[in-house]
Amino acid sequence: MTITFTASRSIPKAAKAAVTIVTSDAVDAGTTGADPKQLEASGFEGEVGQVYQWPSDGRVSALVGIGVAADVDTDAIRAAGASIGRSFSRHTRVGVALPESDVAADAARQAVAGGLTLATYTYTTYKSDAERTKLAKVDVAGASGARAQAAIDRGAALAAGQCFARDLVNEPGGDLTPAAFARRLTAMAKSAGLTTKVWDEAAIKKGKLGGLVGVNRGSTNPPRLVELTYTPKGKARGTLALVGKGITFDSGGLSLKTGAGMMTMKCDMGGGAAVAGAMSVLSALGAKAKVRAFIPMTDNMTGGDATRPGDVLKIRNGKTIEVLNTDAEGRLVLADGLSLASEMKPDAIVDMATLTGACMVALGPKIAGLMGNNDDWISQIESASAATGERVWHLPLPEDYKKQFESPVADMKNIGTPHGGALTAGLILQEFVAAGIPWAHVDIAGPAWSDTDDGEITKGGTGFGVRLLADLATNFSKP
């Protein structure tokens, strides 16, 4: 169910629940509007995630804690919105009053709408008895003007883009084939004001996308590559290229994964989903840069003519790769995507991919790895990360590590030594970015999937990267 958000001066009487987000400072000062003695008896102290409810005037009144006022930021308000979404999903209409804090009012409105939308997301396509939220309308109190409504609409739009990405990631790989993935993006593009170009198998072979062809050899599902283009109104503030890994299911190929290792491998197109989700909201956000996205799509299977360890593939830019591990396939399709993106001569490129288990080992399940060739471009991505709450950590690309993937029969191997796998993967990708173009690689192998509900994150595909890429495009400046 889509939730309608409305900016209002105060919580209307029609709201079935009236929720106020409060700091622990307000609880200590006795200014929450609730009986201090009852709060004390309940143990409610305004700490993060605490919820206190009581009946009042024929509806439910409630407080949601957000912690110490000095620590409140947009991430905390987004988390409070998530708590409201989870705690009051049985009500059809909820009113929300924002906390007193140093966070700008518009940023707070955007964050609460985003958190509430994301926390009430459910993937129910294959559920015969799905439990859905009843929440249909949310009134965000404080102001009722166009500016306040625009801030709320931005938060809801970004969350909708993230939920679109979640839907794609959660779709089973047997149903979200490359052709189906391409159709979903074509339909999205039509409604989002984007132009689309879909490369079919014949065009991919004619275009000499050897990495994509090579990974696809073991599959009965033909590959696709989807280009999406957003063109802003008026003069563009530069051109940004996005490249997303679109492996719709990864068995590992002949370097077969274990059964346990395959269980979540429908999420191996999480980078492509994030790119698509971000592209879907650029028009709504009024992004000023021109943005071109390239999403190569295939599954990685074990059919009779699957790429064998030792085979050599020739990538779009003419460089060759000796494939020694067919489970290191993401870099092969991204190599073609980066080559294509480079040919367009954008002002900057960023690729996003569920690329390496090594990055998960280094940074865990909630932080993405960030690598690149330009300090200013890296700084822009770090700023977007800080603004959106999608965390990244800058990792190095050591020049001397290139020796790890030298090949005696090709320009390079597709793997390095057992250690530093996230870094060597980044270095391999760098080989397919044209000289002089600022580029960054974001490895989202950890945060693209969650095994539990956590704040605004729901179990399954997270849609990580949508907010980051959308912010990056909206605030883009040439590095």
Protein backbone atom coordinates (compact mmCIF):
# COMPACT_ATOMS: atom_id res chain seq x y z
CA MET A 1 0.00 0.00 0.00
CA THR A 2 1.29 3.46 -0.91
CA ILE A 3 1.27 5.90 2.01
CA THR A 4 0.10 9.46 1.35
CA PHE A 5 2.07 12.09 3.27
CA THR A 6 0.66 15.54 4.00
CA ALA A 7 2.31 18.56 5.60
CA SER A 8 0.02 20.04 8.25
CA ARG A 9 0.28 22.72 10.91
CA SER A 10 -0.80 20.30 13.64
CA ILE A 11 -1.90 16.72 14.01
CA PRO A 12 -5.51 16.59 12.76
CA LYS A 13 -8.30 15.15 14.86
CA ALA A 14 -8.95 12.56 12.15
CA ALA A 15 -5.63 10.86 12.86
CA LYS A 16 -6.16 7.55 14.67
CA ALA A 17 -2.80 7.90 16.41
CA ALA A 18 -1.00 11.09 17.41
CA VAL A 19 2.72 10.43 17.72
CA THR A 20 5.33 12.87 19.01
CA ILE A 21 9.03 12.21 18.55
CA VAL A 22 10.78 13.33 21.73
CA THR A 23 14.33 13.63 23.01
CA SER A 24 15.43 12.33 26.38
CA ASP A 25 16.03 15.99 27.30
CA ALA A 26 12.31 16.70 26.85
CA VAL A 27 11.45 13.72 29.06
CA ASP A 28 13.82 14.98 31.76
CA ALA A 29 12.30 18.46 31.52
CA GLY A 30 8.72 17.12 31.68
CA THR A 31 7.74 18.85 28.41
CA THR A 32 6.49 15.86 26.41
CA GLY A 33 2.78 16.41 27.02
CA ALA A 34 2.50 13.08 28.86
CA ASP A 35 2.17 12.54 32.60
CA PRO A 36 5.78 12.47 33.94
CA LYS A 37 4.82 10.02 36.69
CA GLN A 38 3.32 7.59 34.18
CA LEU A 39 6.39 7.89 31.99
CA GLU A 40 8.62 7.13 34.94
CA ALA A 41 6.49 4.15 35.93
CA SER A 42 6.62 2.77 32.38
CA GLY A 43 10.39 3.16 32.14
CA PHE A 44 10.13 5.49 29.13
CA GLU A 45 13.15 7.80 29.10
CA GLY A 46 13.11 9.00 25.48
CA GLU A 47 15.91 6.67 24.47
CA VAL A 48 16.31 5.65 20.83
CA GLY A 49 13.60 3.21 19.78
CA GLN A 50 11.47 3.49 22.93
CA VAL A 51 7.72 3.81 22.36
CA TYR A 52 5.09 4.81 24.94
CA GLN A 53 1.33 4.80 24.15
CA TRP A 54 -1.81 5.77 26.03
CA PRO A 55 -5.50 6.32 25.12
CA SER A 56 -6.50 9.95 24.70
CA ASP A 57 -9.70 11.56 23.35
CA GLY A 58 -10.83 8.47 21.45
CA ARG A 59 -7.50 7.76 19.79
CA VAL A 60 -4.01 6.65 20.67
CA SER A 61 -1.42 9.19 21.76
CA ALA A 62 2.20 8.14 21.74
CA LEU A 63 5.80 9.20 22.26
CA VAL A 64 8.73 7.80 20.29
CA GLY A 65 12.18 8.32 21.78
CA ILE A 66 15.10 9.66 19.77
CA GLY A 67 17.82 10.03 22.42
CA VAL A 68 19.83 13.04 23.57
CA ALA A 69 19.04 16.23 21.65
CA ALA A 70 22.70 16.97 20.96
CA ASP A 71 23.03 13.64 19.12
CA VAL A 72 19.94 13.98 16.92
CA ASP A 73 20.66 13.96 13.19
CA THR A 74 18.76 12.96 10.05
CA ASP A 75 19.74 9.31 10.57
CA ALA A 76 18.14 9.37 14.02
CA ILE A 77 14.96 10.96 12.67
CA ARG A 78 14.82 8.41 9.85
CA ALA A 79 15.11 5.67 12.49
CA ALA A 80 12.33 7.29 14.52
CA GLY A 81 10.15 7.31 11.40
CA ALA A 82 10.89 3.61 11.04
CA SER A 83 9.81 2.98 14.64
CA ILE A 84 6.54 4.78 13.95
CA GLY A 85 5.96 2.73 10.81
CA ARG A 86 6.49 -0.55 12.64
CA SER A 87 4.57 0.38 15.80
CA PHE A 88 1.49 1.99 14.23
CA SER A 89 0.97 0.03 11.01
CA ARG A 90 -2.44 -1.19 12.27
CA HIS A 91 -3.81 2.39 12.12
CA THR A 92 -5.08 3.82 8.85
CA ARG A 93 -4.04 7.40 9.61
CA VAL A 94 -1.24 8.65 11.84
CA GLY A 95 -0.12 12.15 12.76
CA VAL A 96 3.55 12.82 13.55
CA ALA A 97 5.10 15.76 15.40
CA LEU A 98 8.85 16.19 14.89
CA PRO A 99 11.29 16.68 17.79
CA GLU A 100 12.96 19.87 18.88
CA SER A 101 16.49 19.55 17.47
CA ASP A 102 19.22 21.26 15.47
CA VAL A 103 18.26 19.34 12.33
CA ALA A 104 16.79 21.65 9.67
CA ALA A 105 13.02 21.29 9.48
CA ASP A 106 12.97 20.29 5.81
CA ALA A 107 15.66 17.66 6.34
CA ALA A 108 13.71 16.27 9.31
CA ARG A 109 10.50 16.05 7.29
CA GLN A 110 12.30 14.27 4.46
CA ALA A 111 13.94 11.82 6.86
CA VAL A 112 10.78 10.89 8.76
CA ALA A 113 8.82 10.27 5.55
CA GLY A 114 11.64 8.13 4.22
CA GLY A 115 12.06 6.06 7.37
CA LEU A 116 8.36 5.45 7.75
CA THR A 117 7.95 4.34 4.13
CA LEU A 118 10.96 2.02 4.21
CA ALA A 119 10.03 0.33 7.48
CA THR A 120 6.53 -0.53 6.24
CA TYR A 121 7.85 -2.13 3.04
CA THR A 122 6.90 -5.76 2.48
CA TYR A 123 7.56 -8.06 -0.48
CA THR A 124 4.37 -10.04 -0.97
CA THR A 125 4.43 -11.16 -4.62
CA TYR A 126 4.52 -14.85 -3.72
CA LYS A 127 2.59 -14.72 -0.43
CA SER A 128 -0.87 -16.28 -0.51
CA ASP A 129 -1.77 -14.79 2.87
CA ALA A 130 0.29 -11.61 3.05
CA GLU A 131 0.13 -9.32 6.05
CA ARG A 132 0.25 -5.73 4.82
CA THR A 133 0.31 -2.42 6.62
CA LYS A 134 -3.05 -0.70 7.05
CA LEU A 135 -1.36 2.69 7.20
CA ALA A 136 -2.58 4.81 4.29
CA LYS A 137 -2.12 8.42 5.40
CA VAL A 138 0.46 10.24 7.51
CA ASP A 139 0.20 13.88 8.55
CA VAL A 140 3.57 15.46 9.37
CA ALA A 141 2.91 18.38 11.70
CA GLY A 142 4.78 21.67 11.94
CA ALA A 143 3.99 23.53 8.72
CA SER A 144 1.51 23.22 5.87
CA GLY A 145 3.17 25.21 3.09
CA ALA A 146 4.52 24.14 -0.28
CA ARG A 147 8.09 24.02 0.98
CA ALA A 148 7.23 21.64 3.81
CA GLN A 149 5.25 19.42 1.45
CA ALA A 150 8.11 19.39 -1.07
CA ALA A 151 10.53 18.15 1.62
CA ILE A 152 8.14 15.35 2.60
CA ASP A 153 7.62 14.44 -1.05
CA ARG A 154 11.40 14.16 -1.56
CA GLY A 155 11.67 11.72 1.32
CA ALA A 156 8.76 9.64 0.05
CA ALA A 157 10.13 9.65 -3.52
CA LEU A 158 13.57 8.50 -2.44
CA ALA A 159 12.04 5.74 -0.34
CA ALA A 160 9.88 4.67 -3.28
CA GLY A 161 13.02 4.39 -5.42
CA GLN A 162 14.66 2.31 -2.72
CA CYS A 163 11.58 0.07 -2.46
CA PHE A 164 11.67 -0.40 -6.25
CA ALA A 165 15.25 -1.60 -5.90
CA ARG A 166 14.21 -3.90 -3.04
CA ASP A 167 11.49 -5.44 -5.20
CA LEU A 168 14.05 -6.22 -7.90
CA VAL A 169 16.52 -7.74 -5.44
CA ASN A 170 13.82 -9.82 -3.73
CA GLU A 171 12.50 -11.22 -7.02
CA PRO A 172 13.62 -14.85 -7.50
CA GLY A 173 16.37 -15.29 -10.06
CA GLY A 174 14.31 -17.79 -12.01
CA ASP A 175 11.66 -15.10 -12.61
CA LEU A 176 13.83 -11.98 -12.85
CA THR A 177 15.75 -13.20 -15.88
CA PRO A 178 17.81 -10.64 -17.82
CA ALA A 179 14.93 -10.16 -20.28
CA ALA A 180 12.43 -9.68 -17.43
CA PHE A 181 14.82 -7.30 -15.64
CA ALA A 182 15.15 -5.24 -18.81
CA ARG A 183 11.36 -5.08 -19.24
CA ARG A 184 10.93 -3.89 -15.64
CA LEU A 185 13.43 -1.08 -16.21
CA THR A 186 11.87 -0.10 -19.52
CA ALA A 187 8.46 0.26 -17.84
CA MET A 188 9.99 2.24 -14.96
CA ALA A 189 11.85 4.53 -17.38
CA LYS A 190 8.64 5.40 -19.21
CA SER A 191 6.98 6.60 -16.01
CA ALA A 192 10.13 8.32 -14.69
CA GLY A 193 10.85 10.40 -17.78
CA LEU A 194 13.99 8.49 -18.80
CA THR A 195 15.08 7.32 -22.23
CA THR A 196 15.99 3.67 -22.66
CA LYS A 197 18.14 1.56 -24.92
CA VAL A 198 18.10 -2.23 -24.51
CA TRP A 199 20.92 -4.29 -26.00
CA ASP A 200 19.76 -7.81 -26.86
CA GLU A 201 22.07 -10.79 -27.30
CA ALA A 202 22.80 -9.99 -30.95
CA ALA A 203 23.69 -6.39 -30.16
CA ILE A 204 25.86 -7.46 -27.22
CA LYS A 205 27.84 -9.83 -29.42
CA LYS A 206 28.09 -7.27 -32.22
CA GLY A 207 29.23 -4.68 -29.66
CA LYS A 208 32.06 -7.00 -28.57
CA LEU A 209 31.00 -7.11 -24.93
CA GLY A 210 33.15 -10.17 -24.31
CA GLY A 211 32.86 -10.18 -20.56
CA LEU A 212 29.06 -10.24 -20.63
CA VAL A 213 29.02 -12.86 -23.39
CA GLY A 214 31.54 -15.01 -21.51
CA VAL A 215 29.63 -15.02 -18.23
CA ASN A 216 26.40 -15.78 -20.07
CA ARG A 217 27.75 -18.85 -21.91
CA GLY A 218 26.51 -21.30 -19.28
CA SER A 219 22.96 -19.95 -19.26
CA THR A 220 19.84 -20.65 -21.31
CA ASN A 221 18.65 -17.08 -20.58
CA PRO A 222 20.13 -14.61 -23.09
CA PRO A 223 21.87 -11.52 -21.69
CA ARG A 224 20.78 -7.91 -21.82
CA LEU A 225 22.39 -4.54 -21.28
CA VAL A 226 20.13 -1.64 -20.41
CA GLU A 227 21.08 2.01 -20.87
CA LEU A 228 19.00 4.59 -19.02
CA THR A 229 19.42 8.32 -19.60
CA TYR A 230 18.15 11.21 -17.50
CA THR A 231 18.29 14.63 -19.12
CA PRO A 232 17.54 17.62 -16.88
CA LYS A 233 15.54 20.63 -17.88
CA GLY A 234 17.78 23.50 -18.88
CA LYS A 235 21.56 23.38 -19.00
CA ALA A 236 23.04 20.23 -17.49
CA ARG A 237 25.48 20.55 -14.61
CA GLY A 238 27.89 18.05 -16.16
CA THR A 239 27.42 14.39 -17.07
CA LEU A 240 27.58 11.51 -14.62
CA ALA A 241 27.75 7.84 -15.61
CA LEU A 242 26.49 5.04 -13.35
CA VAL A 243 27.34 1.37 -13.90
CA GLY A 244 25.52 -1.36 -11.99
CA LYS A 245 26.24 -5.08 -11.78
CA GLY A 246 23.20 -7.04 -12.93
CA ILE A 247 23.94 -10.71 -12.20
CA THR A 248 20.38 -11.97 -11.78
CA PHE A 249 21.54 -15.19 -10.11
CA ASP A 250 25.07 -16.34 -9.30
CA SER A 251 25.71 -20.06 -8.99
CA GLY A 252 29.43 -19.42 -9.28
CA GLY A 253 29.54 -21.03 -12.71
CA LEU A 254 31.91 -23.99 -13.00
CA SER A 255 33.69 -22.65 -9.88
CA LEU A 256 30.47 -23.66 -8.15
CA LYS A 257 29.37 -22.09 -4.88
CA THR A 258 28.18 -24.21 -1.97
CA GLY A 259 24.47 -24.66 -1.39
CA ALA A 260 24.57 -22.20 1.50
CA GLY A 261 26.57 -19.78 -0.61
CA MET A 262 23.82 -19.69 -3.25
CA MET A 263 20.88 -19.09 -0.95
CA THR A 264 20.85 -15.29 -1.33
CA MET A 265 22.46 -15.05 -4.76
CA LYS A 266 19.34 -13.61 -6.34
CA CYS A 267 20.69 -10.41 -4.72
CA ASP A 268 23.77 -10.35 -6.95
CA MET A 269 22.10 -7.72 -9.11
CA GLY A 270 21.85 -5.37 -6.12
CA GLY A 271 24.19 -2.85 -7.74
CA GLY A 272 22.10 -2.73 -10.89
CA ALA A 273 18.94 -2.45 -8.79
CA ALA A 274 20.41 0.47 -6.83
CA VAL A 275 21.37 2.26 -10.03
CA ALA A 276 17.85 1.70 -11.42
CA GLY A 277 16.23 2.86 -8.18
CA ALA A 278 18.28 6.05 -8.17
CA MET A 279 17.51 6.74 -11.83
CA SER A 280 13.79 6.33 -11.10
CA VAL A 281 13.71 9.38 -8.78
CA LEU A 282 16.00 11.88 -10.53
CA SER A 283 13.15 13.65 -12.28
CA ALA A 284 11.16 13.94 -9.05
CA LEU A 285 14.24 15.37 -7.31
CA GLY A 286 14.98 17.81 -10.12
CA ALA A 287 18.58 16.67 -10.53
CA LYS A 288 20.62 19.15 -12.58
CA ALA A 289 23.25 16.76 -13.99
CA LYS A 290 22.75 14.57 -17.02
CA VAL A 291 22.98 10.96 -15.85
CA ARG A 292 23.59 7.89 -18.00
CA ALA A 293 23.31 4.41 -16.51
CA PHE A 294 24.65 1.12 -17.88
CA ILE A 295 23.40 -2.14 -16.39
CA PRO A 296 24.79 -5.40 -17.89
CA MET A 297 22.51 -8.34 -17.08
CA THR A 298 23.01 -12.11 -17.05
CA ASP A 299 22.88 -15.03 -14.67
CA ASN A 300 26.04 -17.07 -14.00
CA MET A 301 25.21 -20.73 -14.56
CA THR A 302 26.83 -24.09 -15.30
CA GLY A 303 25.45 -25.08 -18.72
CA GLY A 304 27.29 -27.27 -21.19
CA ASP A 305 29.30 -24.45 -22.77
CA ALA A 306 29.93 -22.46 -19.60
CA THR A 307 33.17 -20.46 -19.49
CA ARG A 308 35.92 -22.73 -18.18
CA PRO A 309 38.76 -21.80 -15.84
CA GLY A 310 41.63 -20.87 -18.15
CA ASP A 311 39.43 -19.35 -20.87
CA VAL A 312 40.34 -15.86 -22.08
CA LEU A 313 37.71 -13.16 -22.67
CA LYS A 314 38.15 -9.97 -24.68
CA ILE A 315 36.41 -6.96 -23.17
CA ARG A 316 34.79 -4.08 -25.09
CA ASN A 317 37.88 -1.85 -24.74
CA GLY A 318 40.13 -4.55 -26.27
CA LYS A 319 41.83 -5.79 -23.10
CA THR A 320 41.84 -9.51 -22.36
CA ILE A 321 41.20 -11.39 -19.12
CA GLU A 322 42.16 -14.95 -18.25
CA VAL A 323 39.28 -16.38 -16.22
CA LEU A 324 40.70 -18.55 -13.44
CA ASN A 325 37.65 -18.39 -11.18
CA THR A 326 34.23 -18.23 -12.82
CA ASP A 327 32.76 -17.06 -9.50
CA ALA A 328 34.63 -13.77 -9.97
CA GLU A 329 32.22 -12.88 -12.75
CA GLY A 330 30.93 -9.49 -11.65
CA ARG A 331 34.12 -7.71 -12.67
CA LEU A 332 33.84 -9.28 -16.14
CA VAL A 333 30.42 -7.76 -16.89
CA LEU A 334 31.34 -4.48 -15.16
CA ALA A 335 34.43 -4.28 -17.36
CA ASP A 336 32.16 -4.02 -20.41
CA GLY A 337 29.89 -1.55 -18.64
CA LEU A 338 32.81 0.67 -17.61
CA SER A 339 34.24 0.50 -21.13
CA LEU A 340 30.93 1.66 -22.58
CA ALA A 341 30.55 4.40 -19.97
CA SER A 342 34.09 5.63 -20.72
CA GLU A 343 33.28 5.92 -24.43
CA MET A 344 30.59 8.48 -23.56
CA LYS A 345 33.31 10.69 -21.99
CA PRO A 346 31.35 11.63 -18.87
CA ASP A 347 32.69 14.00 -16.24
CA ALA A 348 32.74 11.16 -13.70
CA ILE A 349 31.81 7.50 -13.31
CA VAL A 350 30.70 5.48 -10.32
CA ASP A 351 30.01 1.75 -10.41
CA MET A 352 28.10 -0.14 -7.76
CA ALA A 353 28.23 -3.89 -7.24
CA THR A 354 27.83 -6.77 -4.83
CA LEU A 355 31.36 -7.69 -5.80
CA THR A 356 33.47 -9.40 -3.14
CA GLY A 357 33.10 -11.43 0.01
CA ALA A 358 36.45 -9.90 0.96
CA CYS A 359 34.77 -6.52 1.39
CA MET A 360 32.23 -8.09 3.76
CA VAL A 361 35.09 -9.58 5.77
CA ALA A 362 36.73 -6.17 6.02
CA LEU A 363 33.71 -3.96 6.68
CA GLY A 364 30.86 -6.23 7.80
CA PRO A 365 27.23 -6.18 6.68
CA LYS A 366 26.41 -2.47 6.98
CA ILE A 367 29.27 -0.56 5.35
CA ALA A 368 30.22 -0.45 1.67
CA GLY A 369 33.77 -0.30 0.38
CA LEU A 370 34.75 2.78 -1.63
CA MET A 371 37.69 2.92 -4.02
CA GLY A 372 38.63 5.31 -6.80
CA ASN A 373 41.18 7.27 -8.79
CA ASN A 374 40.27 10.89 -7.91
CA ASP A 375 40.31 12.41 -4.41
CA ASP A 376 37.72 15.10 -5.19
CA TRP A 377 35.31 12.51 -6.60
CA ILE A 378 35.85 10.28 -3.56
CA SER A 379 35.08 13.26 -1.32
CA GLN A 380 31.80 13.92 -3.16
CA ILE A 381 30.74 10.33 -2.59
CA GLU A 382 31.73 10.50 1.08
CA SER A 383 29.62 13.67 1.41
CA ALA A 384 26.66 11.92 -0.20
CA SER A 385 27.16 9.03 2.20
CA ALA A 386 27.15 11.33 5.21
CA ALA A 387 24.01 13.11 3.98
CA THR A 388 22.03 9.93 3.31
CA GLY A 389 23.17 7.61 6.09
CA GLU A 390 24.36 4.96 3.61
CA ARG A 391 27.83 4.36 4.99
CA VAL A 392 30.98 3.87 2.94
CA TRP A 393 34.64 3.46 3.88
CA HIS A 394 37.46 4.59 1.63
CA LEU A 395 39.85 1.74 0.80
CA PRO A 396 43.13 2.04 -1.13
CA LEU A 397 44.05 0.87 -4.62
CA PRO A 398 47.74 -0.01 -4.13
CA GLU A 399 49.60 0.13 -7.43
CA ASP A 400 51.96 -2.69 -6.46
CA TYR A 401 49.00 -5.06 -5.93
CA LYS A 402 48.54 -5.18 -9.71
CA LYS A 403 51.25 -7.83 -9.79
CA GLN A 404 48.79 -10.19 -8.12
CA PHE A 405 46.67 -10.49 -11.26
CA GLU A 406 49.36 -10.59 -13.94
CA SER A 407 48.67 -13.37 -16.47
CA PRO A 408 51.13 -15.31 -18.66
CA VAL A 409 48.54 -15.67 -21.44
CA ALA A 410 46.36 -12.51 -21.30
CA ASP A 411 46.51 -8.88 -20.23
CA MET A 412 45.41 -9.90 -16.73
CA LYS A 413 43.75 -12.62 -14.64
CA ASN A 414 40.32 -12.11 -13.14
CA ILE A 415 41.57 -12.85 -9.60
CA GLY A 416 44.56 -12.02 -7.43
CA THR A 417 46.02 -13.85 -4.46
CA PRO A 418 43.83 -15.01 -1.52
CA HIS A 419 44.30 -11.76 0.41
CA GLY A 420 43.14 -8.23 -0.40
CA GLY A 421 40.44 -9.46 -2.77
CA ALA A 422 38.33 -6.31 -2.57
CA LEU A 423 41.32 -4.18 -3.54
CA THR A 424 42.48 -6.33 -6.44
CA ALA A 425 38.91 -6.41 -7.75
CA GLY A 426 38.91 -2.61 -7.69
CA LEU A 427 42.25 -2.50 -9.47
CA ILE A 428 40.96 -4.84 -12.18
CA LEU A 429 37.92 -2.61 -12.72
CA GLN A 430 40.18 0.43 -13.01
CA GLU A 431 41.76 -1.15 -16.10
CA PHE A 432 38.51 -0.51 -17.98
CA VAL A 433 38.10 3.16 -17.12
CA ALA A 434 39.54 5.48 -19.77
CA ALA A 435 42.47 7.64 -18.68
CA GLY A 436 41.56 11.02 -17.21
CA ILE A 437 37.98 10.15 -16.15
CA PRO A 438 37.31 10.42 -12.39
CA TRP A 439 35.95 7.06 -11.29
CA ALA A 440 34.84 5.35 -8.11
CA HIS A 441 33.83 1.81 -7.26
CA VAL A 442 31.36 1.03 -4.44
CA ASP A 443 31.34 -2.59 -3.24
CA ILE A 444 27.97 -3.22 -1.57
CA ALA A 445 28.35 -6.98 -1.02
CA GLY A 446 27.57 -6.50 2.69
CA PRO A 447 24.78 -3.91 2.93
CA ALA A 448 22.78 -4.99 -0.17
CA TRP A 449 21.11 -7.77 1.85
CA SER A 450 19.91 -8.08 5.44
CA ASP A 451 18.98 -11.20 7.37
CA THR A 452 16.94 -9.20 9.90
CA ASP A 453 14.73 -6.13 10.24
CA ASP A 454 16.83 -3.24 11.53
CA GLY A 455 15.54 0.33 11.70
CA GLU A 456 14.32 1.31 8.23
CA ILE A 457 15.88 -1.85 6.78
CA THR A 458 13.60 -4.84 6.26
CA LYS A 459 14.74 -8.45 5.90
CA GLY A 460 15.90 -9.27 2.39
CA GLY A 461 17.04 -6.81 -0.24
CA THR A 462 17.80 -3.42 1.30
CA GLY A 463 18.00 -1.15 -1.73
CA PHE A 464 21.29 0.18 -0.35
CA GLY A 465 22.86 2.78 -2.62
CA VAL A 466 19.71 4.38 -4.01
CA ARG A 467 19.83 7.36 -1.64
CA LEU A 468 23.59 7.74 -2.06
CA LEU A 469 23.52 7.73 -5.87
CA ALA A 470 20.48 10.01 -6.02
CA ASP A 471 22.15 12.52 -3.70
CA LEU A 472 25.34 12.30 -5.72
CA ALA A 473 23.47 13.06 -8.95
CA THR A 474 21.40 15.84 -7.37
CA ASN A 475 24.44 17.66 -5.95
CA PHE A 476 26.90 16.72 -8.69
CA SER A 477 29.79 19.00 -9.56
CA LYS A 478 32.56 18.17 -12.00
CA PRO A 479 35.57 16.76 -10.09
